[in-house]
Amino acid sequence: MRDVVSDILTWSWFSEPHGYNFNGHLVRHPGGNICVDPVEPTEDDLDAIAREGVSRIILTNRNHSRAANRVRARTGARTVIHADDADHARSQATELDDGLGVGDTVGPLEVVDAAGKSPGEIALWWPDRGILIVGDAVIGNPPGRCGLLPERVMDDPARLRNSLRQLLDLDFDILLVGDGESILRNAKARLKELVETFPD
């Protein structure tokens, strides 16, 4: 586990089929640390996560349960997901505690709509620091650029494209991604480049 930016730790798990890393993030916050989309940790990583402590695990979409149950069992954190993705997550044996809605805040993070890949996909915006955390709405592949997952895995590609256009209304410079390489400066410009390739 390593610092990706100040007060946010990350750890990664390499996906052979995809050819890039899946990433989990841990946001340090005085009101309780927040774990976002926890990927499978090594024992050392899990020990480090437990030492840091976690009060809430946020799943940005139905497919990012990943190692949430392990982190929840080890730390006693409560796992939350948007209601529209909850049933699918439960069908994958994900243990959930609470719902999460667009407009909610968890610590310093504001929940914003990123629907399209799945109906309950969300992103997390830290306005004071200009940080946006995404799950499957955008991937960091190739490194240094924003990309999309294949349309065949999206419920509603047009809705996703509209969600990404709306994310450009937010003020952010850093984009932390669940899949691929995070973009630590000029991230909004990189997302704008992607959006400009979309059909009208």
N, C-alpha and C. Protein backbone atom coordinates (compact mmCIF):
# COMPACT_ATOMS: atom_id res chain seq x y z
N MET A 1 0.86 -1.19 0.00
CA MET A 1 0.00 0.00 0.00
C MET A 1 0.89 1.23 0.00
N ARG A 2 0.52 2.23 -0.79
CA ARG A 2 1.36 3.42 -0.93
C ARG A 2 0.47 4.67 -1.01
N ASP A 3 1.08 5.83 -0.73
CA ASP A 3 0.39 7.10 -0.91
C ASP A 3 0.28 7.39 -2.39
N VAL A 4 -0.93 7.70 -2.86
CA VAL A 4 -1.08 8.14 -4.25
C VAL A 4 -1.14 9.66 -4.30
N VAL A 5 -1.84 10.28 -3.36
CA VAL A 5 -1.76 11.71 -3.07
C VAL A 5 -1.84 11.81 -1.55
N SER A 6 -1.63 12.98 -0.99
CA SER A 6 -1.64 13.10 0.47
C SER A 6 -3.01 12.67 1.02
N ASP A 7 -2.97 11.86 2.05
CA ASP A 7 -4.15 11.36 2.76
C ASP A 7 -5.00 10.38 1.95
N ILE A 8 -4.50 9.91 0.82
CA ILE A 8 -5.15 8.83 0.09
C ILE A 8 -4.12 7.76 -0.24
N LEU A 9 -4.38 6.56 0.25
CA LEU A 9 -3.51 5.41 0.00
C LEU A 9 -4.13 4.55 -1.09
N THR A 10 -3.29 3.83 -1.80
CA THR A 10 -3.79 2.92 -2.82
C THR A 10 -3.03 1.61 -2.77
N TRP A 11 -3.68 0.56 -3.21
CA TRP A 11 -3.00 -0.71 -3.45
C TRP A 11 -3.62 -1.32 -4.70
N SER A 12 -2.86 -2.17 -5.37
CA SER A 12 -3.27 -2.64 -6.69
C SER A 12 -3.19 -4.15 -6.80
N TRP A 13 -3.97 -4.66 -7.74
CA TRP A 13 -3.97 -6.08 -8.09
C TRP A 13 -3.98 -6.15 -9.61
N PHE A 14 -2.99 -6.83 -10.19
CA PHE A 14 -2.87 -6.86 -11.65
C PHE A 14 -3.83 -7.88 -12.24
N SER A 15 -4.64 -7.41 -13.19
CA SER A 15 -5.59 -8.28 -13.89
C SER A 15 -4.96 -8.75 -15.20
N GLU A 16 -4.62 -10.01 -15.25
CA GLU A 16 -4.02 -10.56 -16.48
C GLU A 16 -4.95 -10.41 -17.69
N PRO A 17 -6.26 -10.75 -17.55
CA PRO A 17 -7.12 -10.62 -18.74
C PRO A 17 -7.21 -9.20 -19.28
N HIS A 18 -7.16 -8.21 -18.39
CA HIS A 18 -7.31 -6.82 -18.82
C HIS A 18 -5.97 -6.18 -19.21
N GLY A 19 -4.89 -6.67 -18.60
CA GLY A 19 -3.57 -6.12 -18.89
C GLY A 19 -3.26 -4.85 -18.14
N TYR A 20 -4.00 -4.58 -17.06
CA TYR A 20 -3.70 -3.41 -16.24
C TYR A 20 -4.14 -3.67 -14.80
N ASN A 21 -3.77 -2.74 -13.91
CA ASN A 21 -4.08 -2.89 -12.50
C ASN A 21 -5.53 -2.54 -12.19
N PHE A 22 -6.09 -3.27 -11.22
CA PHE A 22 -7.28 -2.84 -10.51
C PHE A 22 -6.79 -2.19 -9.21
N ASN A 23 -7.42 -1.08 -8.80
CA ASN A 23 -6.93 -0.30 -7.66
C ASN A 23 -8.00 -0.14 -6.59
N GLY A 24 -7.57 -0.28 -5.34
CA GLY A 24 -8.39 0.11 -4.20
C GLY A 24 -7.81 1.37 -3.60
N HIS A 25 -8.66 2.17 -2.96
CA HIS A 25 -8.19 3.42 -2.35
C HIS A 25 -8.68 3.52 -0.91
N LEU A 26 -7.86 4.12 -0.07
CA LEU A 26 -8.22 4.38 1.31
C LEU A 26 -8.02 5.86 1.58
N VAL A 27 -9.13 6.55 1.89
CA VAL A 27 -9.11 7.99 2.15
C VAL A 27 -9.04 8.19 3.66
N ARG A 28 -7.98 8.83 4.11
CA ARG A 28 -7.87 9.16 5.53
C ARG A 28 -8.76 10.36 5.83
N HIS A 29 -9.55 10.25 6.91
CA HIS A 29 -10.40 11.38 7.29
C HIS A 29 -10.64 11.32 8.79
N PRO A 30 -10.59 12.48 9.47
CA PRO A 30 -10.77 12.47 10.93
C PRO A 30 -12.10 11.88 11.38
N GLY A 31 -13.14 11.99 10.53
CA GLY A 31 -14.44 11.44 10.88
C GLY A 31 -14.57 9.95 10.63
N GLY A 32 -13.52 9.33 10.15
CA GLY A 32 -13.53 7.90 9.84
C GLY A 32 -12.98 7.66 8.45
N ASN A 33 -12.04 6.76 8.33
CA ASN A 33 -11.43 6.48 7.04
C ASN A 33 -12.42 5.78 6.11
N ILE A 34 -12.25 6.03 4.81
CA ILE A 34 -13.17 5.51 3.79
C ILE A 34 -12.38 4.67 2.80
N CYS A 35 -12.83 3.46 2.58
CA CYS A 35 -12.21 2.57 1.61
C CYS A 35 -13.10 2.52 0.37
N VAL A 36 -12.51 2.75 -0.80
CA VAL A 36 -13.27 2.79 -2.05
C VAL A 36 -12.86 1.61 -2.93
N ASP A 37 -13.84 0.78 -3.30
CA ASP A 37 -13.64 -0.33 -4.24
C ASP A 37 -12.40 -1.17 -3.88
N PRO A 38 -12.38 -1.75 -2.68
CA PRO A 38 -11.16 -2.47 -2.27
C PRO A 38 -10.89 -3.70 -3.14
N VAL A 39 -9.69 -3.70 -3.76
CA VAL A 39 -9.27 -4.87 -4.53
C VAL A 39 -8.62 -5.87 -3.59
N GLU A 40 -8.37 -7.06 -4.11
CA GLU A 40 -7.79 -8.12 -3.29
C GLU A 40 -6.44 -7.66 -2.73
N PRO A 41 -6.32 -7.61 -1.41
CA PRO A 41 -5.06 -7.17 -0.82
C PRO A 41 -4.14 -8.35 -0.50
N THR A 42 -2.85 -8.09 -0.48
CA THR A 42 -1.93 -9.05 0.11
C THR A 42 -2.17 -9.05 1.62
N GLU A 43 -1.61 -10.03 2.31
CA GLU A 43 -1.75 -10.03 3.78
C GLU A 43 -1.14 -8.78 4.39
N ASP A 44 -0.01 -8.33 3.83
CA ASP A 44 0.61 -7.10 4.33
C ASP A 44 -0.29 -5.90 4.10
N ASP A 45 -0.91 -5.84 2.92
CA ASP A 45 -1.83 -4.73 2.64
C ASP A 45 -3.03 -4.76 3.58
N LEU A 46 -3.57 -5.96 3.80
CA LEU A 46 -4.73 -6.08 4.69
C LEU A 46 -4.37 -5.67 6.11
N ASP A 47 -3.17 -6.05 6.55
CA ASP A 47 -2.70 -5.61 7.87
C ASP A 47 -2.60 -4.09 7.93
N ALA A 48 -2.08 -3.49 6.86
CA ALA A 48 -1.94 -2.02 6.82
C ALA A 48 -3.30 -1.34 6.82
N ILE A 49 -4.25 -1.90 6.08
CA ILE A 49 -5.60 -1.34 6.05
C ILE A 49 -6.22 -1.42 7.45
N ALA A 50 -6.03 -2.54 8.12
CA ALA A 50 -6.58 -2.71 9.47
C ALA A 50 -5.93 -1.73 10.46
N ARG A 51 -4.64 -1.51 10.30
CA ARG A 51 -3.96 -0.55 11.18
C ARG A 51 -4.49 0.86 10.96
N GLU A 52 -4.73 1.22 9.70
CA GLU A 52 -5.27 2.55 9.40
C GLU A 52 -6.69 2.69 9.96
N GLY A 53 -7.47 1.60 9.85
CA GLY A 53 -8.86 1.61 10.28
C GLY A 53 -9.76 2.09 9.15
N VAL A 54 -10.95 1.51 9.06
CA VAL A 54 -11.92 1.88 8.03
C VAL A 54 -13.30 1.95 8.68
N SER A 55 -14.02 3.05 8.45
CA SER A 55 -15.38 3.15 8.98
C SER A 55 -16.42 2.84 7.91
N ARG A 56 -16.10 3.15 6.63
CA ARG A 56 -17.06 2.96 5.55
C ARG A 56 -16.34 2.41 4.33
N ILE A 57 -16.95 1.44 3.67
CA ILE A 57 -16.49 0.93 2.38
C ILE A 57 -17.51 1.39 1.34
N ILE A 58 -17.07 2.15 0.34
CA ILE A 58 -17.96 2.60 -0.72
C ILE A 58 -17.67 1.78 -1.98
N LEU A 59 -18.72 1.19 -2.53
CA LEU A 59 -18.61 0.50 -3.81
C LEU A 59 -19.21 1.41 -4.87
N THR A 60 -18.43 1.75 -5.88
CA THR A 60 -18.90 2.70 -6.89
C THR A 60 -19.84 2.05 -7.90
N ASN A 61 -19.84 0.72 -7.95
CA ASN A 61 -20.75 0.03 -8.88
C ASN A 61 -20.89 -1.43 -8.49
N ARG A 62 -21.81 -2.12 -9.13
CA ARG A 62 -22.19 -3.48 -8.78
C ARG A 62 -21.08 -4.50 -8.97
N ASN A 63 -20.08 -4.17 -9.80
CA ASN A 63 -19.00 -5.12 -10.09
C ASN A 63 -17.75 -4.88 -9.26
N HIS A 64 -17.78 -3.90 -8.38
CA HIS A 64 -16.57 -3.57 -7.63
C HIS A 64 -16.61 -4.03 -6.17
N SER A 65 -17.36 -5.08 -5.92
CA SER A 65 -17.35 -5.67 -4.57
C SER A 65 -15.95 -6.16 -4.22
N ARG A 66 -15.33 -6.83 -5.20
CA ARG A 66 -13.94 -7.23 -5.10
C ARG A 66 -13.64 -7.84 -3.71
N ALA A 67 -12.82 -7.17 -2.90
CA ALA A 67 -12.46 -7.71 -1.59
C ALA A 67 -13.20 -7.01 -0.45
N ALA A 68 -14.38 -6.43 -0.75
CA ALA A 68 -15.11 -5.67 0.27
C ALA A 68 -15.43 -6.52 1.49
N ASN A 69 -15.83 -7.77 1.28
CA ASN A 69 -16.18 -8.61 2.43
C ASN A 69 -14.98 -8.86 3.33
N ARG A 70 -13.80 -9.06 2.74
CA ARG A 70 -12.59 -9.29 3.55
C ARG A 70 -12.26 -8.05 4.39
N VAL A 71 -12.32 -6.87 3.74
CA VAL A 71 -11.99 -5.64 4.46
C VAL A 71 -13.04 -5.37 5.53
N ARG A 72 -14.30 -5.61 5.21
CA ARG A 72 -15.38 -5.41 6.18
C ARG A 72 -15.20 -6.31 7.39
N ALA A 73 -14.88 -7.59 7.13
CA ALA A 73 -14.72 -8.55 8.23
C ALA A 73 -13.53 -8.17 9.12
N ARG A 74 -12.49 -7.65 8.52
CA ARG A 74 -11.28 -7.34 9.28
C ARG A 74 -11.38 -6.03 10.05
N THR A 75 -12.15 -5.07 9.51
CA THR A 75 -12.15 -3.72 10.10
C THR A 75 -13.45 -3.35 10.79
N GLY A 76 -14.54 -4.09 10.52
CA GLY A 76 -15.84 -3.72 11.07
C GLY A 76 -16.51 -2.57 10.34
N ALA A 77 -15.99 -2.22 9.15
CA ALA A 77 -16.56 -1.12 8.36
C ALA A 77 -17.95 -1.48 7.85
N ARG A 78 -18.74 -0.46 7.55
CA ARG A 78 -20.05 -0.64 6.92
C ARG A 78 -19.89 -0.46 5.42
N THR A 79 -20.47 -1.35 4.64
CA THR A 79 -20.36 -1.31 3.18
C THR A 79 -21.60 -0.66 2.59
N VAL A 80 -21.38 0.31 1.69
CA VAL A 80 -22.49 1.06 1.08
C VAL A 80 -22.36 1.02 -0.44
N ILE A 81 -23.53 1.09 -1.11
CA ILE A 81 -23.60 1.08 -2.57
C ILE A 81 -24.90 1.78 -2.96
N HIS A 82 -24.96 2.31 -4.18
CA HIS A 82 -26.20 2.90 -4.66
C HIS A 82 -27.28 1.83 -4.77
N ALA A 83 -28.51 2.19 -4.43
CA ALA A 83 -29.61 1.22 -4.39
C ALA A 83 -29.81 0.50 -5.72
N ASP A 84 -29.56 1.20 -6.84
CA ASP A 84 -29.81 0.59 -8.15
C ASP A 84 -28.83 -0.52 -8.50
N ASP A 85 -27.72 -0.59 -7.77
CA ASP A 85 -26.74 -1.66 -8.01
C ASP A 85 -26.70 -2.68 -6.87
N ALA A 86 -27.50 -2.46 -5.84
CA ALA A 86 -27.42 -3.28 -4.63
C ALA A 86 -27.81 -4.74 -4.86
N ASP A 87 -28.90 -4.97 -5.58
CA ASP A 87 -29.36 -6.36 -5.76
C ASP A 87 -28.31 -7.20 -6.47
N HIS A 88 -27.71 -6.64 -7.52
CA HIS A 88 -26.68 -7.39 -8.24
C HIS A 88 -25.49 -7.69 -7.32
N ALA A 89 -25.08 -6.69 -6.54
CA ALA A 89 -23.96 -6.91 -5.63
C ALA A 89 -24.29 -8.01 -4.61
N ARG A 90 -25.51 -7.99 -4.09
CA ARG A 90 -25.91 -9.04 -3.14
C ARG A 90 -25.92 -10.41 -3.81
N SER A 91 -26.28 -10.46 -5.10
CA SER A 91 -26.30 -11.75 -5.81
C SER A 91 -24.90 -12.33 -5.95
N GLN A 92 -23.88 -11.46 -5.80
CA GLN A 92 -22.48 -11.90 -5.82
C GLN A 92 -21.95 -12.12 -4.40
N ALA A 93 -22.86 -12.25 -3.45
CA ALA A 93 -22.53 -12.52 -2.04
C ALA A 93 -21.86 -11.35 -1.34
N THR A 94 -22.06 -10.15 -1.84
CA THR A 94 -21.52 -8.96 -1.18
C THR A 94 -22.38 -8.62 0.03
N GLU A 95 -21.73 -8.42 1.16
CA GLU A 95 -22.42 -8.05 2.39
C GLU A 95 -22.57 -6.53 2.42
N LEU A 96 -23.81 -6.05 2.39
CA LEU A 96 -24.09 -4.61 2.34
C LEU A 96 -24.80 -4.17 3.61
N ASP A 97 -24.53 -2.93 4.01
CA ASP A 97 -25.14 -2.39 5.22
C ASP A 97 -26.09 -1.24 4.96
N ASP A 98 -25.71 -0.34 4.07
CA ASP A 98 -26.48 0.89 3.87
C ASP A 98 -26.57 1.23 2.39
N GLY A 99 -27.56 2.08 2.07
CA GLY A 99 -27.68 2.61 0.72
C GLY A 99 -26.94 3.93 0.60
N LEU A 100 -26.76 4.35 -0.64
CA LEU A 100 -26.03 5.57 -0.94
C LEU A 100 -26.72 6.23 -2.13
N GLY A 101 -26.94 7.53 -2.06
CA GLY A 101 -27.62 8.20 -3.14
C GLY A 101 -26.82 9.36 -3.69
N VAL A 102 -27.08 9.72 -4.94
CA VAL A 102 -26.46 10.89 -5.54
C VAL A 102 -26.82 12.12 -4.69
N GLY A 103 -25.82 12.92 -4.39
CA GLY A 103 -26.01 14.09 -3.54
C GLY A 103 -25.63 13.85 -2.09
N ASP A 104 -25.48 12.58 -1.70
CA ASP A 104 -25.03 12.27 -0.34
C ASP A 104 -23.56 12.67 -0.18
N THR A 105 -23.15 12.84 1.06
CA THR A 105 -21.73 13.04 1.35
C THR A 105 -21.28 11.97 2.32
N VAL A 106 -20.06 11.50 2.12
CA VAL A 106 -19.41 10.56 3.04
C VAL A 106 -18.06 11.18 3.37
N GLY A 107 -17.92 11.65 4.61
CA GLY A 107 -16.71 12.40 4.95
C GLY A 107 -16.58 13.60 4.02
N PRO A 108 -15.43 13.76 3.36
CA PRO A 108 -15.24 14.91 2.47
C PRO A 108 -15.74 14.66 1.05
N LEU A 109 -16.26 13.47 0.79
CA LEU A 109 -16.59 13.05 -0.57
C LEU A 109 -18.06 13.26 -0.89
N GLU A 110 -18.34 13.86 -2.03
CA GLU A 110 -19.71 14.03 -2.52
C GLU A 110 -20.00 12.96 -3.56
N VAL A 111 -21.16 12.33 -3.44
CA VAL A 111 -21.57 11.28 -4.37
C VAL A 111 -22.19 11.93 -5.60
N VAL A 112 -21.63 11.64 -6.78
CA VAL A 112 -22.14 12.20 -8.03
C VAL A 112 -22.53 11.07 -8.98
N ASP A 113 -23.47 11.39 -9.84
CA ASP A 113 -24.00 10.41 -10.78
C ASP A 113 -22.98 10.07 -11.86
N ALA A 114 -22.77 8.77 -12.09
CA ALA A 114 -21.91 8.30 -13.18
C ALA A 114 -22.57 7.12 -13.88
N ALA A 115 -23.90 7.09 -13.88
CA ALA A 115 -24.64 5.94 -14.38
C ALA A 115 -24.43 5.72 -15.87
N GLY A 116 -24.59 4.46 -16.26
CA GLY A 116 -24.50 4.09 -17.67
C GLY A 116 -23.89 2.72 -17.85
N LYS A 117 -22.71 2.52 -17.29
CA LYS A 117 -22.14 1.18 -17.32
C LYS A 117 -23.05 0.26 -16.51
N SER A 118 -23.52 0.76 -15.38
CA SER A 118 -24.60 0.14 -14.62
C SER A 118 -25.50 1.26 -14.12
N PRO A 119 -26.74 0.96 -13.74
CA PRO A 119 -27.67 2.03 -13.38
C PRO A 119 -27.31 2.77 -12.10
N GLY A 120 -26.56 2.11 -11.21
CA GLY A 120 -26.21 2.74 -9.94
C GLY A 120 -24.76 3.18 -9.84
N GLU A 121 -24.07 3.27 -10.96
CA GLU A 121 -22.67 3.72 -10.94
C GLU A 121 -22.58 5.14 -10.41
N ILE A 122 -21.64 5.35 -9.50
CA ILE A 122 -21.40 6.68 -8.93
C ILE A 122 -19.92 7.03 -9.07
N ALA A 123 -19.62 8.30 -8.90
CA ALA A 123 -18.25 8.78 -8.72
C ALA A 123 -18.22 9.55 -7.41
N LEU A 124 -17.03 9.81 -6.91
CA LEU A 124 -16.86 10.50 -5.63
C LEU A 124 -15.97 11.71 -5.85
N TRP A 125 -16.49 12.87 -5.47
CA TRP A 125 -15.79 14.14 -5.71
C TRP A 125 -15.40 14.77 -4.39
N TRP A 126 -14.13 15.13 -4.29
CA TRP A 126 -13.62 15.85 -3.12
C TRP A 126 -13.39 17.30 -3.57
N PRO A 127 -14.42 18.15 -3.46
CA PRO A 127 -14.33 19.48 -4.07
C PRO A 127 -13.21 20.33 -3.52
N ASP A 128 -12.94 20.26 -2.22
CA ASP A 128 -11.91 21.12 -1.63
C ASP A 128 -10.53 20.81 -2.18
N ARG A 129 -10.35 19.59 -2.67
CA ARG A 129 -9.02 19.20 -3.15
C ARG A 129 -8.98 18.93 -4.65
N GLY A 130 -10.11 19.08 -5.33
CA GLY A 130 -10.12 18.86 -6.77
C GLY A 130 -9.78 17.44 -7.17
N ILE A 131 -10.34 16.48 -6.41
CA ILE A 131 -10.09 15.06 -6.66
C ILE A 131 -11.40 14.38 -7.05
N LEU A 132 -11.37 13.59 -8.11
CA LEU A 132 -12.50 12.79 -8.54
C LEU A 132 -12.07 11.32 -8.53
N ILE A 133 -12.88 10.47 -7.87
CA ILE A 133 -12.61 9.03 -7.80
C ILE A 133 -13.69 8.32 -8.58
N VAL A 134 -13.29 7.49 -9.53
CA VAL A 134 -14.26 6.77 -10.36
C VAL A 134 -14.00 5.26 -10.27
N GLY A 135 -15.07 4.51 -10.57
CA GLY A 135 -14.95 3.06 -10.60
C GLY A 135 -14.81 2.56 -12.02
N ASP A 136 -15.94 2.28 -12.69
CA ASP A 136 -15.90 1.78 -14.06
C ASP A 136 -16.36 2.83 -15.08
N ALA A 137 -16.74 4.01 -14.64
CA ALA A 137 -17.22 5.03 -15.58
C ALA A 137 -16.13 5.43 -16.56
N VAL A 138 -14.90 5.52 -16.06
CA VAL A 138 -13.72 5.86 -16.85
C VAL A 138 -12.59 4.95 -16.39
N ILE A 139 -11.74 4.52 -17.31
CA ILE A 139 -10.55 3.76 -16.92
C ILE A 139 -9.30 4.54 -17.33
N GLY A 140 -8.22 4.30 -16.62
CA GLY A 140 -6.95 4.94 -16.91
C GLY A 140 -6.10 4.06 -17.80
N ASN A 141 -6.56 3.88 -19.02
CA ASN A 141 -5.85 3.03 -19.97
C ASN A 141 -6.11 3.55 -21.38
N PRO A 142 -5.06 3.86 -22.16
CA PRO A 142 -3.64 3.71 -21.83
C PRO A 142 -3.21 4.70 -20.75
N PRO A 143 -2.10 4.43 -20.05
CA PRO A 143 -1.65 5.31 -18.97
C PRO A 143 -1.54 6.76 -19.44
N GLY A 144 -2.04 7.67 -18.58
CA GLY A 144 -1.99 9.09 -18.89
C GLY A 144 -3.19 9.59 -19.67
N ARG A 145 -4.09 8.68 -20.04
CA ARG A 145 -5.28 9.06 -20.80
C ARG A 145 -6.51 8.40 -20.19
N CYS A 146 -7.67 8.94 -20.54
CA CYS A 146 -8.94 8.35 -20.10
C CYS A 146 -9.48 7.45 -21.21
N GLY A 147 -10.02 6.31 -20.80
CA GLY A 147 -10.63 5.40 -21.75
C GLY A 147 -11.93 4.85 -21.20
N LEU A 148 -12.55 4.00 -21.98
CA LEU A 148 -13.81 3.37 -21.60
C LEU A 148 -13.68 1.86 -21.66
N LEU A 149 -14.47 1.19 -20.86
CA LEU A 149 -14.61 -0.25 -21.00
C LEU A 149 -15.36 -0.56 -22.30
N PRO A 150 -15.29 -1.78 -22.80
CA PRO A 150 -16.01 -2.12 -24.04
C PRO A 150 -17.53 -1.92 -23.87
N GLU A 151 -18.18 -1.47 -24.94
CA GLU A 151 -19.62 -1.22 -24.86
C GLU A 151 -20.41 -2.48 -24.51
N ARG A 152 -19.87 -3.64 -24.83
CA ARG A 152 -20.61 -4.88 -24.56
C ARG A 152 -20.84 -5.11 -23.06
N VAL A 153 -20.05 -4.45 -22.20
CA VAL A 153 -20.25 -4.62 -20.75
C VAL A 153 -21.05 -3.46 -20.15
N MET A 154 -21.50 -2.53 -20.99
CA MET A 154 -22.27 -1.38 -20.51
C MET A 154 -23.76 -1.64 -20.66
N ASP A 155 -24.54 -1.28 -19.65
CA ASP A 155 -25.99 -1.34 -19.76
C ASP A 155 -26.52 -0.31 -20.75
N ASP A 156 -25.96 0.92 -20.68
CA ASP A 156 -26.51 2.03 -21.46
C ASP A 156 -25.36 2.97 -21.86
N PRO A 157 -24.69 2.68 -22.98
CA PRO A 157 -23.53 3.51 -23.38
C PRO A 157 -23.87 4.99 -23.54
N ALA A 158 -25.04 5.30 -24.09
CA ALA A 158 -25.40 6.71 -24.29
C ALA A 158 -25.55 7.42 -22.94
N ARG A 159 -26.14 6.73 -21.99
CA ARG A 159 -26.29 7.33 -20.66
C ARG A 159 -24.93 7.55 -20.01
N LEU A 160 -24.00 6.61 -20.20
CA LEU A 160 -22.66 6.79 -19.65
C LEU A 160 -21.99 8.00 -20.28
N ARG A 161 -22.09 8.14 -21.59
CA ARG A 161 -21.46 9.29 -22.24
C ARG A 161 -22.03 10.60 -21.69
N ASN A 162 -23.34 10.63 -21.45
CA ASN A 162 -23.95 11.83 -20.87
C ASN A 162 -23.45 12.07 -19.45
N SER A 163 -23.31 11.00 -18.67
CA SER A 163 -22.77 11.15 -17.31
C SER A 163 -21.37 11.75 -17.33
N LEU A 164 -20.54 11.29 -18.27
CA LEU A 164 -19.17 11.80 -18.34
C LEU A 164 -19.14 13.26 -18.78
N ARG A 165 -20.05 13.64 -19.67
CA ARG A 165 -20.15 15.06 -20.03
C ARG A 165 -20.46 15.90 -18.79
N GLN A 166 -21.34 15.39 -17.94
CA GLN A 166 -21.72 16.14 -16.74
C GLN A 166 -20.60 16.20 -15.71
N LEU A 167 -19.73 15.19 -15.69
CA LEU A 167 -18.59 15.24 -14.77
C LEU A 167 -17.66 16.41 -15.10
N LEU A 168 -17.67 16.85 -16.35
CA LEU A 168 -16.84 18.00 -16.72
C LEU A 168 -17.32 19.29 -16.09
N ASP A 169 -18.53 19.30 -15.51
CA ASP A 169 -19.01 20.48 -14.79
C ASP A 169 -18.34 20.62 -13.42
N LEU A 170 -17.67 19.56 -12.97
CA LEU A 170 -17.01 19.57 -11.67
C LEU A 170 -15.59 20.13 -11.80
N ASP A 171 -15.11 20.69 -10.72
CA ASP A 171 -13.75 21.22 -10.69
C ASP A 171 -12.82 20.15 -10.10
N PHE A 172 -11.96 19.58 -10.93
CA PHE A 172 -11.00 18.58 -10.44
C PHE A 172 -9.76 18.59 -11.31
N ASP A 173 -8.65 18.21 -10.70
CA ASP A 173 -7.37 18.13 -11.41
C ASP A 173 -6.79 16.72 -11.32
N ILE A 174 -7.26 15.96 -10.33
CA ILE A 174 -6.75 14.61 -10.07
C ILE A 174 -7.89 13.62 -10.30
N LEU A 175 -7.60 12.55 -11.03
CA LEU A 175 -8.58 11.50 -11.28
C LEU A 175 -8.00 10.18 -10.79
N LEU A 176 -8.62 9.62 -9.75
CA LEU A 176 -8.21 8.32 -9.22
C LEU A 176 -9.16 7.27 -9.78
N VAL A 177 -8.60 6.25 -10.42
CA VAL A 177 -9.41 5.27 -11.14
C VAL A 177 -9.34 3.91 -10.47
N GLY A 178 -10.44 3.17 -10.60
CA GLY A 178 -10.48 1.80 -10.11
C GLY A 178 -9.75 0.84 -11.03
N ASP A 179 -9.68 1.19 -12.33
CA ASP A 179 -9.05 0.34 -13.34
C ASP A 179 -8.02 1.15 -14.11
N GLY A 180 -6.79 0.67 -14.17
CA GLY A 180 -5.74 1.33 -14.94
C GLY A 180 -4.89 2.25 -14.09
N GLU A 181 -4.37 3.31 -14.73
CA GLU A 181 -3.46 4.23 -14.05
C GLU A 181 -4.17 5.55 -13.75
N SER A 182 -4.09 5.99 -12.50
CA SER A 182 -4.68 7.27 -12.12
C SER A 182 -3.92 8.43 -12.78
N ILE A 183 -4.62 9.54 -12.92
CA ILE A 183 -4.05 10.74 -13.54
C ILE A 183 -3.95 11.80 -12.46
N LEU A 184 -2.73 12.21 -12.14
CA LEU A 184 -2.49 13.03 -10.96
C LEU A 184 -2.36 14.52 -11.24
N ARG A 185 -2.49 14.92 -12.50
CA ARG A 185 -2.57 16.34 -12.83
C ARG A 185 -3.21 16.49 -14.20
N ASN A 186 -3.90 17.63 -14.39
CA ASN A 186 -4.57 17.93 -15.66
C ASN A 186 -5.60 16.86 -16.05
N ALA A 187 -6.18 16.22 -15.05
CA ALA A 187 -7.10 15.11 -15.33
C ALA A 187 -8.37 15.57 -16.03
N LYS A 188 -8.87 16.74 -15.69
CA LYS A 188 -10.09 17.21 -16.34
C LYS A 188 -9.86 17.40 -17.84
N ALA A 189 -8.70 17.89 -18.20
CA ALA A 189 -8.38 18.04 -19.63
C ALA A 189 -8.34 16.69 -20.32
N ARG A 190 -7.83 15.66 -19.63
CA ARG A 190 -7.78 14.32 -20.23
C ARG A 190 -9.19 13.76 -20.41
N LEU A 191 -10.07 14.00 -19.42
CA LEU A 191 -11.45 13.54 -19.56
C LEU A 191 -12.15 14.30 -20.69
N LYS A 192 -11.87 15.59 -20.81
CA LYS A 192 -12.47 16.38 -21.89
C LYS A 192 -12.05 15.82 -23.25
N GLU A 193 -10.81 15.41 -23.36
CA GLU A 193 -10.34 14.81 -24.63
C GLU A 193 -11.15 13.56 -24.98
N LEU A 194 -11.44 12.75 -23.97
CA LEU A 194 -12.25 11.56 -24.21
C LEU A 194 -13.67 11.96 -24.64
N VAL A 195 -14.28 12.88 -23.89
CA VAL A 195 -15.66 13.28 -24.18
C VAL A 195 -15.77 13.86 -25.60
N GLU A 196 -14.74 14.56 -26.03
CA GLU A 196 -14.77 15.16 -27.37
C GLU A 196 -14.79 14.12 -28.49
N THR A 197 -14.48 12.87 -28.18
CA THR A 197 -14.54 11.80 -29.20
C THR A 197 -15.95 11.20 -29.31
N PHE A 198 -16.85 11.57 -28.39
CA PHE A 198 -18.19 10.97 -28.38
C PHE A 198 -19.02 11.51 -29.54
N PRO A 199 -19.91 10.68 -30.09
CA PRO A 199 -20.85 11.19 -31.10
C PRO A 199 -21.82 12.18 -30.46
N ASP A 200 -22.31 13.11 -31.25
CA ASP A 200 -23.27 14.12 -30.73
C ASP A 200 -24.59 13.47 -30.36
